[in-house]
Amino acid sequence: MSYIEKTLLTGETVTYKAQVHWWVFVYPMKFLLFGLLLISFSPLYIKIPGYVLIAIALWGIINSYLGRCYAEYVVTNKRVIFKLGLIRRSVVELQLNKAEAIAFGESFWGRIFNFGTVVVTTGGATNTYPYIADPLSFRRAISEEVDKRFGRGNE
């Protein structure tokens, strides 16, 4: 049972679950490939930076994997919840009645591979949800819940 399922309020149901996109692995993989390229050269003064880049890349890959596995983006009929982390947990909850604006952004690669960042603003805070797979569906789920509960849409 996930953290979010354990913390649902009475009468609260999950209406949409978003995933972190696999794109989070791209930058660590670039470091890994460049490090492997450097260690393929024979002089030691070129290999050492290659090994450093490989170590950084492996750390990034592990960090991205754990971040992807233990991140939860959920829209319920009452809240939007973002949970990140396994040991050190960070949770952001946004009551749907406080949502004022919903925006999203996609880079060039985000448009091609269908990932982006969704930003939900309230009177006092801006909640950013990065690297979401299919950000339009996540945004739509939030807008539909706001519209169902409060009769106002943010589309």
N, C-alpha and C. Protein backbone atom coordinates (compact mmCIF):
# COMPACT_ATOMS: atom_id res chain seq x y z
N MET A 1 0.85 -1.18 0.00
CA MET A 1 0.00 0.00 0.00
C MET A 1 0.90 1.24 0.00
N SER A 2 0.63 2.15 -0.91
CA SER A 2 1.45 3.34 -1.03
C SER A 2 1.15 4.34 0.10
N TYR A 3 2.08 5.27 0.27
CA TYR A 3 1.93 6.31 1.29
C TYR A 3 0.63 7.07 1.07
N ILE A 4 0.34 7.41 -0.16
CA ILE A 4 -0.84 8.22 -0.44
C ILE A 4 -2.12 7.45 -0.15
N GLU A 5 -2.15 6.17 -0.49
CA GLU A 5 -3.33 5.36 -0.18
C GLU A 5 -3.55 5.26 1.33
N LYS A 6 -2.47 5.26 2.10
CA LYS A 6 -2.58 5.21 3.56
C LYS A 6 -3.11 6.51 4.15
N THR A 7 -2.89 7.62 3.45
CA THR A 7 -3.24 8.93 4.03
C THR A 7 -4.49 9.56 3.41
N LEU A 8 -5.25 8.79 2.66
CA LEU A 8 -6.48 9.34 2.08
C LEU A 8 -7.46 9.72 3.18
N LEU A 9 -8.14 10.83 2.98
CA LEU A 9 -9.15 11.29 3.93
C LEU A 9 -10.43 10.48 3.75
N THR A 10 -11.34 10.60 4.70
CA THR A 10 -12.63 9.93 4.60
C THR A 10 -13.38 10.44 3.38
N GLY A 11 -13.83 9.52 2.54
CA GLY A 11 -14.56 9.89 1.33
C GLY A 11 -13.68 10.32 0.18
N GLU A 12 -12.38 10.26 0.36
CA GLU A 12 -11.45 10.69 -0.70
C GLU A 12 -11.07 9.50 -1.57
N THR A 13 -11.08 9.70 -2.87
CA THR A 13 -10.70 8.64 -3.80
C THR A 13 -9.67 9.17 -4.79
N VAL A 14 -8.79 8.29 -5.21
CA VAL A 14 -7.78 8.65 -6.21
C VAL A 14 -8.44 8.64 -7.58
N THR A 15 -8.30 9.74 -8.31
CA THR A 15 -8.89 9.82 -9.65
C THR A 15 -7.85 9.74 -10.75
N TYR A 16 -6.60 10.06 -10.44
CA TYR A 16 -5.54 10.00 -11.46
C TYR A 16 -4.19 9.83 -10.78
N LYS A 17 -3.37 8.95 -11.35
CA LYS A 17 -1.99 8.78 -10.89
C LYS A 17 -1.07 9.06 -12.06
N ALA A 18 -0.12 9.95 -11.86
CA ALA A 18 0.85 10.26 -12.91
C ALA A 18 2.18 9.58 -12.57
N GLN A 19 2.98 9.39 -13.59
CA GLN A 19 4.29 8.76 -13.42
C GLN A 19 5.39 9.76 -13.76
N VAL A 20 6.56 9.55 -13.16
CA VAL A 20 7.74 10.30 -13.56
C VAL A 20 8.23 9.68 -14.87
N HIS A 21 8.54 10.50 -15.83
CA HIS A 21 8.94 10.04 -17.15
C HIS A 21 10.37 9.47 -17.11
N TRP A 22 10.65 8.54 -18.02
CA TRP A 22 11.98 7.94 -18.09
C TRP A 22 13.06 8.94 -18.50
N TRP A 23 12.69 10.12 -18.94
CA TRP A 23 13.65 11.14 -19.36
C TRP A 23 14.61 11.52 -18.24
N VAL A 24 14.25 11.26 -16.99
CA VAL A 24 15.14 11.60 -15.87
C VAL A 24 16.47 10.85 -15.97
N PHE A 25 16.53 9.80 -16.77
CA PHE A 25 17.76 9.03 -16.94
C PHE A 25 18.67 9.58 -18.03
N VAL A 26 18.20 10.50 -18.85
CA VAL A 26 18.96 10.94 -20.01
C VAL A 26 20.26 11.64 -19.62
N TYR A 27 20.21 12.60 -18.70
CA TYR A 27 21.42 13.33 -18.35
C TYR A 27 22.46 12.46 -17.67
N PRO A 28 22.10 11.60 -16.71
CA PRO A 28 23.12 10.69 -16.16
C PRO A 28 23.71 9.76 -17.22
N MET A 29 22.89 9.34 -18.17
CA MET A 29 23.40 8.47 -19.23
C MET A 29 24.39 9.20 -20.13
N LYS A 30 24.17 10.49 -20.36
CA LYS A 30 25.14 11.28 -21.13
C LYS A 30 26.49 11.32 -20.41
N PHE A 31 26.47 11.54 -19.10
CA PHE A 31 27.71 11.52 -18.32
C PHE A 31 28.39 10.16 -18.42
N LEU A 32 27.60 9.10 -18.32
CA LEU A 32 28.15 7.75 -18.40
C LEU A 32 28.82 7.51 -19.75
N LEU A 33 28.16 7.85 -20.82
CA LEU A 33 28.73 7.64 -22.15
C LEU A 33 29.99 8.47 -22.36
N PHE A 34 29.98 9.71 -21.90
CA PHE A 34 31.16 10.55 -22.04
C PHE A 34 32.32 10.02 -21.19
N GLY A 35 32.01 9.54 -19.99
CA GLY A 35 33.04 8.93 -19.14
C GLY A 35 33.63 7.69 -19.78
N LEU A 36 32.79 6.85 -20.37
CA LEU A 36 33.28 5.65 -21.06
C LEU A 36 34.14 6.02 -22.25
N LEU A 37 33.77 7.08 -22.94
CA LEU A 37 34.57 7.56 -24.06
C LEU A 37 35.95 8.01 -23.57
N LEU A 38 35.99 8.73 -22.46
CA LEU A 38 37.27 9.21 -21.93
C LEU A 38 38.17 8.06 -21.47
N ILE A 39 37.60 7.04 -20.83
CA ILE A 39 38.48 5.96 -20.35
C ILE A 39 38.93 5.04 -21.48
N SER A 40 38.34 5.20 -22.65
CA SER A 40 38.80 4.39 -23.78
C SER A 40 40.14 4.91 -24.32
N PHE A 41 40.52 6.13 -23.93
CA PHE A 41 41.83 6.66 -24.33
C PHE A 41 42.89 6.13 -23.37
N SER A 42 44.11 5.98 -23.86
CA SER A 42 45.15 5.36 -23.05
C SER A 42 45.82 6.26 -22.01
N PRO A 43 46.04 7.56 -22.24
CA PRO A 43 46.75 8.34 -21.21
C PRO A 43 45.95 8.41 -19.90
N LEU A 44 46.66 8.24 -18.80
CA LEU A 44 46.02 8.23 -17.48
C LEU A 44 45.35 9.56 -17.16
N TYR A 45 45.96 10.66 -17.58
CA TYR A 45 45.39 11.97 -17.26
C TYR A 45 44.04 12.19 -17.97
N ILE A 46 43.72 11.37 -18.96
CA ILE A 46 42.40 11.43 -19.60
C ILE A 46 41.45 10.41 -18.97
N LYS A 47 42.00 9.29 -18.50
CA LYS A 47 41.15 8.25 -17.90
C LYS A 47 40.58 8.69 -16.55
N ILE A 48 41.36 9.40 -15.76
CA ILE A 48 40.90 9.78 -14.41
C ILE A 48 39.62 10.61 -14.48
N PRO A 49 39.55 11.67 -15.30
CA PRO A 49 38.26 12.38 -15.40
C PRO A 49 37.13 11.47 -15.90
N GLY A 50 37.48 10.50 -16.74
CA GLY A 50 36.47 9.56 -17.22
C GLY A 50 35.89 8.74 -16.08
N TYR A 51 36.76 8.26 -15.18
CA TYR A 51 36.28 7.50 -14.03
C TYR A 51 35.43 8.36 -13.11
N VAL A 52 35.82 9.62 -12.96
CA VAL A 52 35.03 10.54 -12.13
C VAL A 52 33.64 10.74 -12.75
N LEU A 53 33.60 10.93 -14.07
CA LEU A 53 32.30 11.09 -14.74
C LEU A 53 31.45 9.84 -14.62
N ILE A 54 32.07 8.67 -14.71
CA ILE A 54 31.32 7.42 -14.56
C ILE A 54 30.73 7.32 -13.16
N ALA A 55 31.52 7.69 -12.14
CA ALA A 55 31.01 7.65 -10.76
C ALA A 55 29.84 8.62 -10.59
N ILE A 56 29.98 9.82 -11.14
CA ILE A 56 28.89 10.80 -11.06
C ILE A 56 27.65 10.27 -11.79
N ALA A 57 27.87 9.66 -12.95
CA ALA A 57 26.76 9.12 -13.74
C ALA A 57 26.05 8.00 -13.00
N LEU A 58 26.81 7.10 -12.39
CA LEU A 58 26.18 6.00 -11.64
C LEU A 58 25.37 6.53 -10.47
N TRP A 59 25.91 7.53 -9.78
CA TRP A 59 25.16 8.17 -8.70
C TRP A 59 23.86 8.78 -9.24
N GLY A 60 23.96 9.46 -10.39
CA GLY A 60 22.78 10.07 -11.00
C GLY A 60 21.75 9.05 -11.44
N ILE A 61 22.22 7.92 -11.99
CA ILE A 61 21.30 6.87 -12.44
C ILE A 61 20.58 6.26 -11.25
N ILE A 62 21.32 5.97 -10.18
CA ILE A 62 20.69 5.41 -8.97
C ILE A 62 19.71 6.40 -8.37
N ASN A 63 20.12 7.66 -8.29
CA ASN A 63 19.26 8.70 -7.73
C ASN A 63 17.99 8.87 -8.57
N SER A 64 18.14 8.85 -9.89
CA SER A 64 16.97 8.97 -10.78
C SER A 64 16.05 7.77 -10.65
N TYR A 65 16.64 6.59 -10.55
CA TYR A 65 15.84 5.37 -10.41
C TYR A 65 15.03 5.40 -9.11
N LEU A 66 15.70 5.73 -8.01
CA LEU A 66 14.98 5.79 -6.73
C LEU A 66 13.93 6.89 -6.75
N GLY A 67 14.29 8.03 -7.33
CA GLY A 67 13.32 9.12 -7.43
C GLY A 67 12.11 8.74 -8.26
N ARG A 68 12.35 7.99 -9.33
CA ARG A 68 11.25 7.57 -10.19
C ARG A 68 10.38 6.52 -9.50
N CYS A 69 11.02 5.60 -8.79
CA CYS A 69 10.26 4.53 -8.12
C CYS A 69 9.45 5.03 -6.93
N TYR A 70 9.99 6.02 -6.22
CA TYR A 70 9.35 6.44 -4.98
C TYR A 70 8.67 7.79 -5.06
N ALA A 71 8.45 8.28 -6.26
CA ALA A 71 7.68 9.52 -6.44
C ALA A 71 6.24 9.15 -6.76
N GLU A 72 5.33 9.85 -6.15
CA GLU A 72 3.90 9.64 -6.43
C GLU A 72 3.26 10.99 -6.74
N TYR A 73 2.64 11.09 -7.90
CA TYR A 73 1.86 12.26 -8.28
C TYR A 73 0.42 11.78 -8.36
N VAL A 74 -0.44 12.29 -7.50
CA VAL A 74 -1.81 11.78 -7.43
C VAL A 74 -2.80 12.94 -7.38
N VAL A 75 -3.88 12.78 -8.13
CA VAL A 75 -5.01 13.69 -8.05
C VAL A 75 -6.14 12.91 -7.41
N THR A 76 -6.70 13.45 -6.34
CA THR A 76 -7.86 12.83 -5.71
C THR A 76 -9.06 13.76 -5.92
N ASN A 77 -10.18 13.35 -5.39
CA ASN A 77 -11.36 14.22 -5.50
C ASN A 77 -11.30 15.39 -4.53
N LYS A 78 -10.25 15.47 -3.69
CA LYS A 78 -10.12 16.58 -2.74
C LYS A 78 -8.78 17.31 -2.81
N ARG A 79 -7.72 16.62 -3.27
CA ARG A 79 -6.38 17.19 -3.22
C ARG A 79 -5.54 16.77 -4.42
N VAL A 80 -4.43 17.50 -4.60
CA VAL A 80 -3.34 17.07 -5.47
C VAL A 80 -2.18 16.79 -4.52
N ILE A 81 -1.59 15.60 -4.63
CA ILE A 81 -0.55 15.19 -3.70
C ILE A 81 0.69 14.79 -4.49
N PHE A 82 1.84 15.30 -4.05
CA PHE A 82 3.12 14.92 -4.62
C PHE A 82 3.99 14.42 -3.49
N LYS A 83 4.40 13.15 -3.58
CA LYS A 83 5.26 12.55 -2.56
C LYS A 83 6.55 12.11 -3.21
N LEU A 84 7.66 12.46 -2.59
CA LEU A 84 8.97 12.11 -3.11
C LEU A 84 9.82 11.55 -1.99
N GLY A 85 10.51 10.45 -2.25
CA GLY A 85 11.47 9.91 -1.30
C GLY A 85 11.03 8.64 -0.63
N LEU A 86 12.03 7.91 -0.16
CA LEU A 86 11.80 6.65 0.55
C LEU A 86 12.16 6.82 2.02
N ILE A 87 13.40 7.21 2.28
CA ILE A 87 13.85 7.37 3.66
C ILE A 87 13.52 8.78 4.15
N ARG A 88 13.94 9.76 3.39
CA ARG A 88 13.61 11.14 3.71
C ARG A 88 12.46 11.55 2.79
N ARG A 89 11.29 11.63 3.33
CA ARG A 89 10.07 11.84 2.56
C ARG A 89 9.72 13.32 2.51
N SER A 90 9.31 13.75 1.34
CA SER A 90 8.84 15.12 1.14
C SER A 90 7.46 15.04 0.51
N VAL A 91 6.49 15.68 1.13
CA VAL A 91 5.11 15.61 0.64
C VAL A 91 4.57 17.02 0.47
N VAL A 92 3.97 17.26 -0.69
CA VAL A 92 3.29 18.53 -0.94
C VAL A 92 1.83 18.19 -1.23
N GLU A 93 0.93 18.80 -0.48
CA GLU A 93 -0.50 18.58 -0.68
C GLU A 93 -1.15 19.92 -1.01
N LEU A 94 -2.00 19.89 -2.01
CA LEU A 94 -2.71 21.09 -2.41
C LEU A 94 -4.19 20.80 -2.40
N GLN A 95 -4.92 21.54 -1.58
CA GLN A 95 -6.37 21.39 -1.55
C GLN A 95 -6.94 21.94 -2.86
N LEU A 96 -7.83 21.19 -3.49
CA LEU A 96 -8.37 21.61 -4.79
C LEU A 96 -9.10 22.95 -4.72
N ASN A 97 -9.71 23.25 -3.57
CA ASN A 97 -10.43 24.51 -3.48
C ASN A 97 -9.50 25.72 -3.46
N LYS A 98 -8.19 25.49 -3.29
CA LYS A 98 -7.22 26.59 -3.29
C LYS A 98 -6.56 26.79 -4.65
N ALA A 99 -6.77 25.87 -5.58
CA ALA A 99 -6.13 25.98 -6.89
C ALA A 99 -6.67 27.18 -7.65
N GLU A 100 -5.77 28.06 -8.09
CA GLU A 100 -6.18 29.24 -8.85
C GLU A 100 -5.85 29.11 -10.33
N ALA A 101 -4.67 28.59 -10.63
CA ALA A 101 -4.27 28.46 -12.03
C ALA A 101 -3.48 27.17 -12.21
N ILE A 102 -3.64 26.58 -13.37
CA ILE A 102 -2.92 25.35 -13.71
C ILE A 102 -2.25 25.59 -15.05
N ALA A 103 -0.94 25.44 -15.07
CA ALA A 103 -0.19 25.64 -16.31
C ALA A 103 0.74 24.46 -16.51
N PHE A 104 1.21 24.31 -17.72
CA PHE A 104 2.21 23.28 -17.94
C PHE A 104 3.18 23.74 -19.01
N GLY A 105 4.36 23.17 -18.96
CA GLY A 105 5.38 23.51 -19.95
C GLY A 105 6.03 22.25 -20.47
N GLU A 106 6.37 22.30 -21.74
CA GLU A 106 7.07 21.19 -22.37
C GLU A 106 8.23 21.76 -23.17
N SER A 107 9.38 21.14 -23.05
CA SER A 107 10.51 21.50 -23.88
C SER A 107 10.33 20.85 -25.25
N PHE A 108 11.29 21.09 -26.13
CA PHE A 108 11.27 20.45 -27.44
C PHE A 108 11.23 18.93 -27.27
N TRP A 109 12.13 18.40 -26.42
CA TRP A 109 12.18 16.96 -26.20
C TRP A 109 10.95 16.47 -25.45
N GLY A 110 10.42 17.31 -24.58
CA GLY A 110 9.20 16.96 -23.86
C GLY A 110 8.02 16.77 -24.79
N ARG A 111 7.94 17.60 -25.81
CA ARG A 111 6.85 17.44 -26.79
C ARG A 111 7.01 16.16 -27.57
N ILE A 112 8.24 15.83 -27.92
CA ILE A 112 8.48 14.61 -28.70
C ILE A 112 8.20 13.36 -27.87
N PHE A 113 8.69 13.37 -26.62
CA PHE A 113 8.59 12.17 -25.78
C PHE A 113 7.46 12.23 -24.76
N ASN A 114 6.61 13.26 -24.83
CA ASN A 114 5.41 13.38 -24.00
C ASN A 114 5.70 13.44 -22.50
N PHE A 115 6.50 14.44 -22.10
CA PHE A 115 6.69 14.71 -20.68
C PHE A 115 6.79 16.22 -20.51
N GLY A 116 6.56 16.67 -19.29
CA GLY A 116 6.64 18.11 -19.04
C GLY A 116 6.48 18.42 -17.58
N THR A 117 6.32 19.69 -17.30
CA THR A 117 6.17 20.19 -15.95
C THR A 117 4.79 20.82 -15.81
N VAL A 118 4.09 20.44 -14.75
CA VAL A 118 2.79 21.04 -14.46
C VAL A 118 2.96 21.95 -13.25
N VAL A 119 2.43 23.16 -13.35
CA VAL A 119 2.53 24.15 -12.27
C VAL A 119 1.13 24.50 -11.81
N VAL A 120 0.87 24.31 -10.52
CA VAL A 120 -0.42 24.66 -9.92
C VAL A 120 -0.16 25.79 -8.94
N THR A 121 -0.84 26.91 -9.12
CA THR A 121 -0.63 28.05 -8.24
C THR A 121 -1.84 28.26 -7.34
N THR A 122 -1.54 28.70 -6.14
CA THR A 122 -2.56 29.10 -5.17
C THR A 122 -2.24 30.53 -4.77
N GLY A 123 -3.01 31.07 -3.86
CA GLY A 123 -2.77 32.44 -3.43
C GLY A 123 -1.38 32.66 -2.87
N GLY A 124 -0.85 31.67 -2.16
CA GLY A 124 0.43 31.88 -1.51
C GLY A 124 1.55 30.99 -1.98
N ALA A 125 1.29 30.06 -2.86
CA ALA A 125 2.34 29.12 -3.24
C ALA A 125 2.23 28.72 -4.70
N THR A 126 3.36 28.30 -5.21
CA THR A 126 3.41 27.72 -6.55
C THR A 126 3.94 26.31 -6.41
N ASN A 127 3.16 25.33 -6.82
CA ASN A 127 3.56 23.93 -6.74
C ASN A 127 3.95 23.46 -8.12
N THR A 128 5.20 23.01 -8.25
CA THR A 128 5.73 22.57 -9.53
C THR A 128 5.91 21.07 -9.51
N TYR A 129 5.41 20.41 -10.53
CA TYR A 129 5.49 18.95 -10.65
C TYR A 129 6.28 18.64 -11.93
N PRO A 130 7.60 18.38 -11.80
CA PRO A 130 8.44 18.20 -12.99
C PRO A 130 8.47 16.77 -13.52
N TYR A 131 8.89 16.65 -14.75
CA TYR A 131 9.12 15.36 -15.43
C TYR A 131 7.91 14.43 -15.38
N ILE A 132 6.74 14.97 -15.58
CA ILE A 132 5.53 14.15 -15.55
C ILE A 132 5.29 13.56 -16.94
N ALA A 133 5.08 12.26 -16.97
CA ALA A 133 4.69 11.61 -18.22
C ALA A 133 3.26 12.01 -18.53
N ASP A 134 2.99 12.41 -19.73
CA ASP A 134 1.67 12.85 -20.19
C ASP A 134 1.14 14.00 -19.32
N PRO A 135 1.81 15.15 -19.36
CA PRO A 135 1.40 16.26 -18.49
C PRO A 135 0.02 16.81 -18.80
N LEU A 136 -0.43 16.70 -20.04
CA LEU A 136 -1.77 17.20 -20.36
C LEU A 136 -2.85 16.43 -19.63
N SER A 137 -2.67 15.11 -19.51
CA SER A 137 -3.66 14.31 -18.78
C SER A 137 -3.67 14.66 -17.30
N PHE A 138 -2.48 14.91 -16.73
CA PHE A 138 -2.40 15.30 -15.32
C PHE A 138 -3.10 16.64 -15.12
N ARG A 139 -2.82 17.60 -15.99
CA ARG A 139 -3.46 18.91 -15.91
C ARG A 139 -4.97 18.79 -16.07
N ARG A 140 -5.39 17.97 -17.04
CA ARG A 140 -6.82 17.77 -17.28
C ARG A 140 -7.50 17.15 -16.06
N ALA A 141 -6.84 16.18 -15.42
CA ALA A 141 -7.42 15.53 -14.24
C ALA A 141 -7.63 16.54 -13.12
N ILE A 142 -6.65 17.42 -12.92
CA ILE A 142 -6.80 18.45 -11.89
C ILE A 142 -7.95 19.39 -12.24
N SER A 143 -7.97 19.85 -13.48
CA SER A 143 -9.03 20.78 -13.91
C SER A 143 -10.41 20.17 -13.78
N GLU A 144 -10.54 18.91 -14.16
CA GLU A 144 -11.85 18.25 -14.07
C GLU A 144 -12.30 18.10 -12.63
N GLU A 145 -11.38 17.78 -11.73
CA GLU A 145 -11.76 17.66 -10.32
C GLU A 145 -12.16 19.01 -9.73
N VAL A 146 -11.42 20.05 -10.08
CA VAL A 146 -11.79 21.40 -9.61
C VAL A 146 -13.16 21.77 -10.14
N ASP A 147 -13.40 21.49 -11.41
CA ASP A 147 -14.69 21.83 -12.02
C ASP A 147 -15.83 21.03 -11.39
N LYS A 148 -15.60 19.74 -11.13
CA LYS A 148 -16.65 18.90 -10.52
C LYS A 148 -17.00 19.37 -9.12
N ARG A 149 -15.99 19.70 -8.35
CA ARG A 149 -16.23 20.05 -6.95
C ARG A 149 -16.69 21.49 -6.76
N PHE A 150 -16.20 22.39 -7.60
CA PHE A 150 -16.45 23.80 -7.34
C PHE A 150 -17.10 24.54 -8.50
N GLY A 151 -17.40 23.82 -9.57
CA GLY A 151 -18.09 24.43 -10.69
C GLY A 151 -17.29 25.46 -11.45
N ARG A 152 -15.96 25.35 -11.35
CA ARG A 152 -15.12 26.27 -12.12
C ARG A 152 -13.97 25.48 -12.70
N GLY A 153 -13.65 25.73 -13.93
CA GLY A 153 -12.55 25.03 -14.61
C GLY A 153 -11.35 25.93 -14.76
N ASN A 154 -10.20 25.33 -14.94
CA ASN A 154 -8.97 26.09 -15.13
C ASN A 154 -8.36 25.81 -16.49
N GLU A 155 -9.15 25.45 -17.45
CA GLU A 155 -8.62 25.11 -18.78
C GLU A 155 -8.37 26.35 -19.58
